[in-house]
């Protein structure tokens, strides 16, 4: 072991602060096939996983990030999520186990009951009756050798049978991945690279941004050709040739708004550009757009925002404000709140400049961070959403003639896509590569990119 692991006192305190469901998730992520998740058992499993790893401290930090307990990460490890990502070398958590945790969180009670019914011929009824969550079911299937990291056909088939095609696709994408074994996997079998699903992640953690691309929570490495083609058979969204949709641009820093306007006008979108809005003005502008007849007749909706921000909020031009929550921005255009966009692609391209120091603005509740980190708690849960969020330091705005590298790459990819007829997901692969290259050349000007989507079909913007 290259460095001393976390103390037993710290591990005990960690387990004591977890809820029963969080202990269940912890035990599963650590690779245990036991259904027991009492505090004593969870502590023993965690201690065993930590002691068998060459990077014990990092294991604990990554587990807390996966559990979304950033409060405990700050309290016990004295660091934040961004620091954990910067320190990450080889991924330590099993891609398969992290995916199963994600699926468990995404399945409804009705989905779980249907899955248990389908598995009645595979597992004894008494074991199924005792299963309180999807992880309990997976554990029982592992005991029967019906499911493992390289045997997921049964799970994929059952998910399709209960009409959760979105989740089945994520399992298929993991199955298509080239098997890889990390240093920690060799010394401690339960660990591998986290969050696999249809995801992108630059290889050099200190210089490249984490780009998460999937239909729901997840993260991983650059996809293989098989991964990127796993959705090629999908039908594409049909956009009107002459008026592809509505694009609203809110530029609160005075940079790149006009270039975005020109880019989407060239793509035949009706573009509305707003500059220097306050938080209140942003909210009123977006609310008035919700009921606009333009959206009812549009084939697609694009929202671009350039703003200073905190971890979860857009601050617009307000120096001291609670801000507009990023997840609220998405919810404004769900089918419930904006019926005119039901079944239509809704695209969000957001560039935020993190205030320095990176602390909540006045009126912002620290408790919100326990729900997740940028992107993780902001996953688009509704269908037909494409969510692309890039954040970098506010200090970049001090450079004369500054332009966002992310937005520059995005506009370049969109323009190039007109000639190559590439769908939007493939175009964002180019954006990621461009941003990665920029970060390598400019270590002091790092961009962090988070992409998530629930698109049901391929999307061509040209």
Protein backbone atom coordinates (compact mmCIF):
# COMPACT_ATOMS: atom_id res chain seq x y z
CA UNK A 1 0.00 0.00 0.00
CA UNK A 2 1.59 3.25 -1.13
CA UNK A 3 0.06 5.41 1.57
CA UNK A 4 -1.68 4.83 4.89
CA UNK A 5 -5.39 4.41 4.57
CA UNK A 6 -8.15 6.29 6.35
CA UNK A 7 -8.26 5.63 10.06
CA UNK A 8 -10.74 3.15 11.53
CA UNK A 9 -12.32 6.04 13.44
CA UNK A 10 -12.98 7.88 10.16
CA UNK A 11 -14.50 4.77 8.56
CA UNK A 12 -16.72 4.19 11.56
CA UNK A 13 -17.92 7.79 11.49
CA UNK A 14 -18.57 7.55 7.76
CA UNK A 15 -20.77 4.46 8.10
CA UNK A 16 -22.65 5.86 11.10
CA UNK A 17 -23.61 8.95 9.08
CA UNK A 18 -25.14 6.91 6.25
CA UNK A 19 -28.78 5.97 5.95
CA UNK A 20 -29.84 2.35 5.49
CA UNK A 21 -30.24 2.74 1.73
CA UNK A 22 -26.86 4.47 1.48
CA UNK A 23 -25.22 1.61 3.41
CA UNK A 24 -26.86 -0.82 0.99
CA UNK A 25 -25.37 1.09 -1.93
CA UNK A 26 -21.97 1.28 -0.24
CA UNK A 27 -21.86 -2.48 0.38
CA UNK A 28 -22.79 -3.15 -3.24
CA UNK A 29 -20.22 -0.71 -4.66
CA UNK A 30 -17.53 -2.37 -2.55
CA UNK A 31 -18.28 -5.66 -4.31
CA UNK A 32 -20.04 -7.61 -1.57
CA UNK A 33 -22.54 -10.29 -2.56
CA UNK A 34 -24.11 -10.25 0.89
CA UNK A 35 -27.60 -8.87 1.44
CA UNK A 36 -26.60 -7.75 4.93
CA UNK A 37 -26.03 -4.00 5.23
CA UNK A 38 -26.10 -3.31 8.96
CA UNK A 39 -23.64 -0.64 10.18
CA UNK A 40 -21.23 -3.30 11.47
CA UNK A 41 -21.29 -5.27 8.21
CA UNK A 42 -21.01 -2.14 6.05
CA UNK A 43 -18.06 -0.99 8.13
CA UNK A 44 -16.33 -4.35 7.70
CA UNK A 45 -16.90 -4.43 3.94
CA UNK A 46 -15.66 -0.85 3.57
CA UNK A 47 -12.57 -1.51 5.68
CA UNK A 48 -11.75 -4.60 3.60
CA UNK A 49 -12.10 -2.70 0.33
CA UNK A 50 -9.96 0.15 1.61
CA UNK A 51 -7.20 -2.08 2.98
CA UNK A 52 -6.95 -4.05 -0.27
CA UNK A 53 -6.52 -0.93 -2.40
CA UNK A 54 -3.25 0.80 -3.21
CA UNK A 55 -5.10 4.14 -3.04
CA UNK A 56 -7.30 3.79 0.04
CA UNK A 57 -8.00 7.48 0.51
CA UNK A 58 -9.13 7.88 -3.06
CA UNK A 59 -11.44 4.86 -2.74
CA UNK A 60 -13.25 6.50 0.18
CA UNK A 61 -13.52 9.82 -1.66
CA UNK A 62 -14.91 8.23 -4.81
CA UNK A 63 -17.43 6.23 -2.82
CA UNK A 64 -18.68 9.42 -1.16
CA UNK A 65 -18.98 11.09 -4.55
CA UNK A 66 -20.98 8.13 -5.89
CA UNK A 67 -23.21 8.24 -2.80
CA UNK A 68 -23.71 11.97 -3.43
CA UNK A 69 -22.62 12.71 0.12
CA UNK A 70 -20.47 15.72 -0.62
CA UNK A 71 -21.19 16.98 2.89
CA UNK A 72 -19.32 13.96 4.30
CA UNK A 73 -16.60 14.42 1.69
CA UNK A 74 -15.95 17.91 3.01
CA UNK A 75 -16.34 16.92 6.64
CA UNK A 76 -14.23 13.75 6.69
CA UNK A 77 -11.83 14.15 3.76
CA UNK A 78 -11.58 17.95 3.74
CA UNK A 79 -11.98 18.24 -0.03
CA UNK A 80 -14.63 18.78 -2.67
CA UNK A 81 -15.79 16.86 -5.69
CA UNK A 82 -13.57 18.80 -8.11
CA UNK A 83 -10.45 17.91 -6.12
CA UNK A 84 -11.42 14.24 -6.16
CA UNK A 85 -11.76 14.37 -9.94
CA UNK A 86 -8.37 16.09 -10.30
CA UNK A 87 -6.69 13.45 -8.15
CA UNK A 88 -8.31 10.55 -9.99
CA UNK A 89 -5.85 8.38 -11.89
CA UNK A 90 -7.12 4.95 -12.84
CA UNK A 91 -10.80 4.77 -11.99
CA UNK A 92 -11.36 2.74 -8.86
CA UNK A 93 -15.04 1.83 -8.86
CA UNK A 94 -16.51 -0.92 -10.96
CA UNK A 95 -18.26 0.34 -14.09
CA UNK A 96 -20.74 -2.51 -13.80
CA UNK A 97 -21.56 -1.83 -10.13
CA UNK A 98 -21.93 1.91 -10.63
CA UNK A 99 -24.29 1.27 -13.52
CA UNK A 100 -26.40 -1.07 -11.39
CA UNK A 101 -26.62 1.64 -8.72
CA UNK A 102 -27.74 4.13 -11.35
CA UNK A 103 -30.38 1.75 -12.67
CA UNK A 104 -31.66 1.15 -9.14
CA UNK A 105 -32.13 4.89 -8.70
CA UNK A 106 -33.92 5.26 -12.04
CA UNK A 107 -36.37 2.36 -11.69
CA UNK A 108 -39.80 3.13 -10.30
CA UNK A 109 -41.58 0.92 -7.77
CA UNK A 110 -43.80 -0.37 -10.56
CA UNK A 111 -40.74 -1.18 -12.70
CA UNK A 112 -39.19 -3.10 -9.80
CA UNK A 113 -42.35 -5.12 -9.17
CA UNK A 114 -42.58 -6.05 -12.85
CA UNK A 115 -38.92 -7.11 -12.89
CA UNK A 116 -39.45 -9.29 -9.83
CA UNK A 117 -42.42 -10.93 -11.53
CA UNK A 118 -40.39 -11.66 -14.66
CA UNK A 119 -37.63 -13.20 -12.55
CA UNK A 120 -40.01 -15.54 -10.75
CA UNK A 121 -38.66 -18.48 -12.72
CA UNK A 122 -35.03 -17.57 -11.97
CA UNK A 123 -35.05 -16.71 -8.27
CA UNK A 124 -36.99 -18.29 -5.40
CA UNK A 125 -40.11 -16.36 -4.50
CA UNK A 126 -39.05 -15.78 -0.89
CA UNK A 127 -35.84 -14.06 -2.02
CA UNK A 128 -37.75 -11.85 -4.43
CA UNK A 129 -40.22 -10.91 -1.72
CA UNK A 130 -37.37 -9.83 0.56
CA UNK A 131 -35.81 -7.65 -2.16
CA UNK A 132 -36.56 -4.03 -1.36
CA UNK A 133 -34.66 -2.50 -4.25
CA UNK A 134 -33.04 -3.38 -7.57
CA UNK A 135 -29.65 -3.84 -5.90
CA UNK A 136 -31.13 -6.58 -3.72
CA UNK A 137 -32.36 -8.34 -6.87
CA UNK A 138 -28.96 -8.01 -8.55
CA UNK A 139 -27.23 -9.41 -5.47
CA UNK A 140 -29.48 -12.49 -5.52
CA UNK A 141 -28.86 -12.95 -9.25
CA UNK A 142 -25.11 -12.73 -8.63
CA UNK A 143 -25.37 -15.47 -6.00
CA UNK A 144 -27.05 -17.66 -8.63
CA UNK A 145 -24.34 -16.74 -11.20
CA UNK A 146 -27.06 -15.37 -13.46
CA UNK A 147 -25.56 -11.86 -13.61
CA UNK A 148 -22.02 -10.48 -13.54
CA UNK A 149 -20.04 -7.66 -15.11
CA UNK A 150 -19.72 -9.66 -18.35
CA UNK A 151 -23.13 -11.38 -18.21
CA UNK A 152 -25.85 -8.74 -18.52
CA UNK A 153 -28.13 -10.25 -21.16
CA UNK A 154 -30.76 -11.24 -18.58
CA UNK A 155 -30.95 -7.72 -17.15
CA UNK A 156 -31.10 -6.11 -20.58
CA UNK A 157 -33.90 -8.46 -21.68
CA UNK A 158 -35.94 -7.85 -18.54
CA UNK A 159 -35.59 -4.09 -18.86
CA UNK A 160 -36.87 -4.25 -22.42
CA UNK A 161 -39.77 -6.46 -21.31
CA UNK A 162 -40.89 -3.86 -18.74
CA UNK A 163 -40.68 -1.17 -21.44
CA UNK A 164 -37.58 0.56 -20.06
CA UNK A 165 -35.76 0.74 -23.38
CA UNK A 166 -33.69 3.68 -22.15
CA UNK A 167 -32.17 1.63 -19.36
CA UNK A 168 -31.72 -1.45 -21.52
CA UNK A 169 -29.74 0.65 -23.98
CA UNK A 170 -27.37 1.71 -21.20
CA UNK A 171 -26.78 -1.92 -20.30
CA UNK A 172 -26.11 -2.73 -23.95
CA UNK A 173 -23.58 0.08 -24.22
CA UNK A 174 -21.72 -1.27 -21.19
CA UNK A 175 -21.77 -4.78 -22.68
CA UNK A 176 -20.23 -3.38 -25.88
CA UNK A 177 -17.32 -1.82 -24.05
CA UNK A 178 -13.87 -3.31 -24.44
CA UNK A 179 -13.07 -5.03 -21.13
CA UNK A 180 -10.45 -3.19 -19.13
CA UNK A 181 -8.82 -3.97 -15.80
CA UNK A 182 -7.48 -1.27 -13.52
CA UNK A 183 -4.75 -1.54 -10.95
CA UNK A 184 -7.32 -1.68 -8.18
CA UNK A 185 -9.30 -4.39 -9.97
CA UNK A 186 -6.21 -6.57 -9.94
CA UNK A 187 -5.75 -6.16 -6.19
CA UNK A 188 -9.41 -5.83 -5.21
CA UNK A 189 -11.85 -7.41 -7.64
CA UNK A 190 -14.90 -5.18 -6.97
CA UNK A 191 -13.24 -2.02 -8.33
CA UNK A 192 -13.04 -0.71 -11.90
CA UNK A 193 -13.83 2.48 -13.79
CA UNK A 194 -17.04 4.26 -12.72
CA UNK A 195 -20.21 5.17 -14.55
CA UNK A 196 -19.88 3.53 -17.88
CA UNK A 197 -22.98 4.35 -19.74
CA UNK A 198 -22.53 5.79 -23.21
CA UNK A 199 -20.04 8.10 -21.58
CA UNK A 200 -17.01 10.12 -22.54
CA UNK A 201 -14.10 10.98 -20.33
CA UNK A 202 -10.76 12.44 -21.33
CA UNK A 203 -7.85 10.24 -20.36
CA UNK A 204 -5.53 12.70 -18.62
CA UNK A 205 -7.43 13.70 -15.52
CA UNK A 206 -5.28 16.70 -14.60
CA UNK A 207 -5.61 18.39 -17.96
CA UNK A 208 -8.82 17.18 -19.52
CA UNK A 209 -12.46 17.79 -18.66
CA UNK A 210 -14.88 15.16 -17.48
CA UNK A 211 -17.53 14.84 -20.16
CA UNK A 212 -20.47 12.67 -19.21
CA UNK A 213 -22.65 11.59 -22.12
CA UNK A 214 -25.57 9.28 -21.53
CA UNK A 215 -29.30 8.93 -21.10
CA UNK A 216 -29.03 9.23 -17.33
CA UNK A 217 -26.33 9.47 -14.64
CA UNK A 218 -22.94 8.04 -15.57
CA UNK A 219 -19.31 8.64 -16.50
CA UNK A 220 -16.47 6.82 -18.23
CA UNK A 221 -13.84 6.94 -20.95
CA UNK A 222 -13.82 7.71 -24.65
CA UNK A 223 -16.32 5.41 -26.42
CA UNK A 224 -15.38 2.76 -28.91
CA UNK A 225 -16.84 2.71 -32.39
CA UNK A 226 -19.39 0.13 -31.24
CA UNK A 227 -20.52 2.40 -28.42
CA UNK A 228 -21.09 5.43 -30.61
CA UNK A 229 -23.02 3.30 -33.09
CA UNK A 230 -25.33 1.74 -30.52
CA UNK A 231 -27.98 4.36 -31.30
CA UNK A 232 -27.38 4.69 -35.04
CA UNK A 233 -30.41 2.56 -35.83
CA UNK A 234 -32.73 5.02 -34.10
CA UNK A 235 -35.20 7.08 -36.05
CA UNK A 236 -34.25 10.73 -36.30
CA UNK A 237 -36.22 13.75 -35.15
CA UNK A 238 -37.93 15.43 -38.08
CA UNK A 239 -37.21 19.15 -38.18
CA UNK A 240 -38.84 21.64 -40.52
CA UNK A 241 -36.48 22.50 -43.36
CA UNK A 242 -37.00 26.26 -43.39
CA UNK A 243 -37.63 26.87 -39.69
CA UNK A 244 -35.97 24.22 -37.57
CA UNK A 245 -37.05 25.74 -34.29
CA UNK A 246 -36.61 28.51 -31.74
CA UNK A 247 -33.29 29.44 -30.16
CA UNK A 248 -33.15 31.79 -27.17
CA UNK A 249 -29.72 33.12 -26.17
CA UNK A 250 -29.10 34.83 -22.82
CA UNK A 251 -25.68 36.48 -22.70
CA UNK A 252 -25.02 37.95 -19.26
CA UNK A 253 -21.28 38.54 -19.69
CA UNK A 254 -21.23 40.20 -23.12
CA UNK A 255 -19.21 37.46 -24.82
CA UNK A 256 -20.08 35.06 -27.65
CA UNK A 257 -23.79 35.85 -27.73
CA UNK A 258 -23.70 37.40 -31.21
CA UNK A 259 -21.59 34.55 -32.58
CA UNK A 260 -24.09 32.03 -31.23
CA UNK A 261 -26.89 34.04 -32.78
CA UNK A 262 -25.23 33.92 -36.20
CA UNK A 263 -24.49 30.18 -35.87
CA UNK A 264 -28.09 29.21 -35.14
CA UNK A 265 -29.46 31.60 -37.74
CA UNK A 266 -27.29 29.76 -40.28
CA UNK A 267 -28.89 26.54 -39.06
CA UNK A 268 -32.31 28.06 -39.87
CA UNK A 269 -33.45 28.67 -36.30
CA UNK A 270 -35.50 31.68 -35.24
CA UNK A 271 -33.09 33.31 -32.80
CA UNK A 272 -33.82 35.74 -29.96
CA UNK A 273 -30.77 37.23 -28.21
CA UNK A 274 -31.03 38.82 -24.76
CA UNK A 275 -28.08 40.65 -23.20
CA UNK A 276 -27.20 41.63 -19.64
CA UNK A 277 -30.29 40.21 -17.93
CA UNK A 278 -30.69 40.00 -14.18
CA UNK A 279 -31.85 36.79 -12.54
CA UNK A 280 -35.38 38.15 -12.36
CA UNK A 281 -35.29 39.18 -16.00
CA UNK A 282 -34.05 35.72 -16.99
CA UNK A 283 -36.93 34.08 -15.16
CA UNK A 284 -39.57 36.38 -16.63
CA UNK A 285 -38.12 36.04 -20.14
CA UNK A 286 -38.15 32.24 -19.99
CA UNK A 287 -41.61 32.08 -18.41
CA UNK A 288 -43.08 34.28 -21.12
CA UNK A 289 -41.51 31.97 -23.69
CA UNK A 290 -43.18 28.91 -22.16
CA UNK A 291 -46.59 29.84 -23.55
CA UNK A 292 -45.34 31.40 -26.77
CA UNK A 293 -47.08 30.18 -29.96
CA UNK A 294 -43.59 30.06 -31.49
CA UNK A 295 -42.82 26.95 -29.45
CA UNK A 296 -46.03 25.21 -30.45
CA UNK A 297 -45.10 25.51 -34.12
CA UNK A 298 -41.35 24.90 -33.65
CA UNK A 299 -39.72 21.54 -34.39
CA UNK A 300 -37.04 22.02 -31.73
CA UNK A 301 -36.03 24.35 -28.91
CA UNK A 302 -32.53 25.58 -28.10
CA UNK A 303 -31.57 27.55 -24.97
CA UNK A 304 -28.05 29.02 -24.72
CA UNK A 305 -26.93 30.76 -21.53
CA UNK A 306 -23.63 32.54 -20.83
CA UNK A 307 -23.40 33.66 -17.21
CA UNK A 308 -21.40 33.83 -14.06
CA UNK A 309 -22.54 31.15 -11.66
CA UNK A 310 -22.12 29.10 -8.53
CA UNK A 311 -22.16 25.33 -8.33
CA UNK A 312 -25.87 25.00 -9.04
CA UNK A 313 -27.05 28.49 -9.96
CA UNK A 314 -26.85 31.05 -12.73
CA UNK A 315 -26.14 34.50 -11.26
CA UNK A 316 -26.79 36.47 -14.48
CA UNK A 317 -25.76 40.10 -13.82
CA UNK A 318 -26.61 39.99 -10.11
CA UNK A 319 -23.55 40.29 -7.88
CA UNK A 320 -25.35 38.96 -4.81
CA UNK A 321 -28.30 36.70 -5.46
CA UNK A 322 -29.59 33.20 -4.79
CA UNK A 323 -29.54 32.83 -8.57
CA UNK A 324 -31.53 30.67 -10.97
CA UNK A 325 -31.08 26.95 -10.27
CA UNK A 326 -29.85 25.06 -13.32
CA UNK A 327 -32.37 22.28 -12.80
CA UNK A 328 -35.18 24.86 -12.67
CA UNK A 329 -34.07 26.08 -16.07
CA UNK A 330 -34.68 22.63 -17.53
CA UNK A 331 -37.97 22.11 -15.68
CA UNK A 332 -39.43 25.26 -17.23
CA UNK A 333 -39.64 23.41 -20.54
CA UNK A 334 -40.87 19.99 -19.51
CA UNK A 335 -44.08 18.81 -21.22
CA UNK A 336 -46.00 19.63 -18.01
CA UNK A 337 -44.81 23.23 -17.92
CA UNK A 338 -44.48 23.77 -21.65
CA UNK A 339 -46.95 21.53 -23.54
CA UNK A 340 -45.90 23.01 -26.87
CA UNK A 341 -42.56 21.20 -26.64
CA UNK A 342 -43.88 17.74 -25.79
CA UNK A 343 -42.09 15.13 -27.87
CA UNK A 344 -39.72 17.71 -29.37
CA UNK A 345 -35.95 17.94 -28.77
CA UNK A 346 -34.99 20.50 -26.14
CA UNK A 347 -31.31 21.51 -26.22
CA UNK A 348 -29.45 23.41 -23.51
CA UNK A 349 -25.94 24.81 -24.08
CA UNK A 350 -24.66 26.55 -20.96
CA UNK A 351 -21.34 28.28 -20.30
CA UNK A 352 -20.88 29.36 -16.70
CA UNK A 353 -17.97 31.24 -15.19
CA UNK A 354 -17.47 30.08 -11.61
CA UNK A 355 -17.26 32.94 -9.15
CA UNK A 356 -13.96 33.11 -7.30
CA UNK A 357 -13.59 31.89 -4.67
CA UNK A 358 -15.95 29.04 -5.59
CA UNK A 359 -18.50 29.61 -2.85
CA UNK A 360 -22.29 29.98 -2.76
CA UNK A 361 -23.67 33.43 -3.25
CA UNK A 362 -25.68 35.17 -0.56
CA UNK A 363 -28.91 33.31 0.09
CA UNK A 364 -27.63 30.06 -1.40
CA UNK A 365 -28.15 26.99 0.79
CA UNK A 366 -25.08 24.79 1.31
CA UNK A 367 -27.41 21.86 1.92
CA UNK A 368 -28.19 21.73 -1.77
CA UNK A 369 -24.71 20.39 -2.49
CA UNK A 370 -25.45 17.14 -0.70
CA UNK A 371 -27.73 16.25 -3.59
CA UNK A 372 -24.85 16.00 -6.03
CA UNK A 373 -22.30 17.96 -8.02
CA UNK A 374 -22.52 19.93 -11.26
CA UNK A 375 -24.31 17.70 -13.68
CA UNK A 376 -24.97 14.76 -11.36
CA UNK A 377 -27.98 16.33 -9.67
CA UNK A 378 -28.97 18.06 -12.91
CA UNK A 379 -29.58 15.03 -15.07
CA UNK A 380 -32.45 15.61 -17.50
CA UNK A 381 -35.07 13.12 -16.35
CA UNK A 382 -37.59 13.98 -19.07
CA UNK A 383 -37.44 12.60 -22.58
CA UNK A 384 -35.96 14.53 -25.54
CA UNK A 385 -33.51 16.66 -23.52
CA UNK A 386 -29.90 17.39 -24.53
CA UNK A 387 -27.98 19.04 -21.68
CA UNK A 388 -24.49 20.44 -22.30
CA UNK A 389 -22.93 22.44 -19.46
CA UNK A 390 -19.40 23.81 -19.41
CA UNK A 391 -17.87 25.69 -16.51
CA UNK A 392 -14.57 27.48 -16.09
CA UNK A 393 -13.07 30.12 -13.81
CA UNK A 394 -14.42 33.66 -13.75
CA UNK A 395 -10.83 34.91 -14.07
CA UNK A 396 -10.93 34.02 -17.76
CA UNK A 397 -13.23 36.99 -18.34
CA UNK A 398 -10.37 39.28 -17.34
CA UNK A 399 -8.48 38.38 -20.52
CA UNK A 400 -8.86 40.94 -23.30
CA UNK A 401 -10.95 39.62 -26.16
CA UNK A 402 -11.87 36.44 -24.28
CA UNK A 403 -14.08 33.90 -26.04
CA UNK A 404 -15.24 30.64 -24.51
CA UNK A 405 -13.23 27.73 -25.87
CA UNK A 406 -16.26 25.50 -25.31
CA UNK A 407 -18.61 27.72 -27.29
CA UNK A 408 -16.00 28.20 -30.00
CA UNK A 409 -15.68 24.42 -30.32
CA UNK A 410 -19.47 24.01 -30.26
CA UNK A 411 -20.03 26.55 -33.02
CA UNK A 412 -17.26 25.02 -35.10
CA UNK A 413 -18.74 21.55 -34.74
CA UNK A 414 -22.23 22.73 -35.63
CA UNK A 415 -20.95 24.47 -38.75
CA UNK A 416 -18.86 21.45 -39.80
CA UNK A 417 -21.85 19.18 -39.22
CA UNK A 418 -23.70 20.86 -42.07
CA UNK A 419 -21.24 19.37 -44.54
CA UNK A 420 -20.87 15.95 -42.94
CA UNK A 421 -24.48 15.45 -41.83
CA UNK A 422 -23.47 14.27 -38.36
CA UNK A 423 -26.02 13.86 -35.61
CA UNK A 424 -25.73 15.99 -32.49
CA UNK A 425 -24.15 13.37 -30.23
CA UNK A 426 -21.32 12.77 -32.70
CA UNK A 427 -20.81 16.51 -33.08
CA UNK A 428 -20.28 16.80 -29.35
CA UNK A 429 -17.49 14.23 -29.54
CA UNK A 430 -15.62 16.81 -31.59
CA UNK A 431 -16.40 19.50 -29.04
CA UNK A 432 -14.99 17.31 -26.29
CA UNK A 433 -11.80 16.63 -28.27
CA UNK A 434 -11.26 20.33 -28.94
CA UNK A 435 -11.76 21.26 -25.30
CA UNK A 436 -9.45 18.46 -24.18
CA UNK A 437 -6.72 19.70 -26.50
CA UNK A 438 -7.15 23.24 -25.21
CA UNK A 439 -6.80 22.06 -21.60
CA UNK A 440 -3.60 20.22 -22.42
CA UNK A 441 -2.09 23.31 -23.99
CA UNK A 442 -3.40 25.67 -21.28
CA UNK A 443 -3.25 24.00 -17.85
CA UNK A 444 -4.18 27.26 -16.09
CA UNK A 445 -7.34 27.72 -18.20
CA UNK A 446 -9.29 24.53 -17.55
CA UNK A 447 -12.77 23.89 -18.88
CA UNK A 448 -15.01 21.21 -17.36
CA UNK A 449 -17.67 19.76 -19.59
CA UNK A 450 -20.79 17.83 -18.59
CA UNK A 451 -23.07 16.39 -21.26
CA UNK A 452 -26.25 14.39 -20.59
CA UNK A 453 -29.18 13.53 -22.77
CA UNK A 454 -32.45 11.66 -22.94
CA UNK A 455 -32.84 11.89 -26.70
CA UNK A 456 -34.95 9.03 -28.02
CA UNK A 457 -33.86 9.54 -31.64
CA UNK A 458 -30.91 10.85 -33.60
CA UNK A 459 -30.92 14.63 -34.03
CA UNK A 460 -29.57 16.46 -37.08
CA UNK A 461 -29.50 20.26 -36.93
CA UNK A 462 -28.74 20.80 -40.62
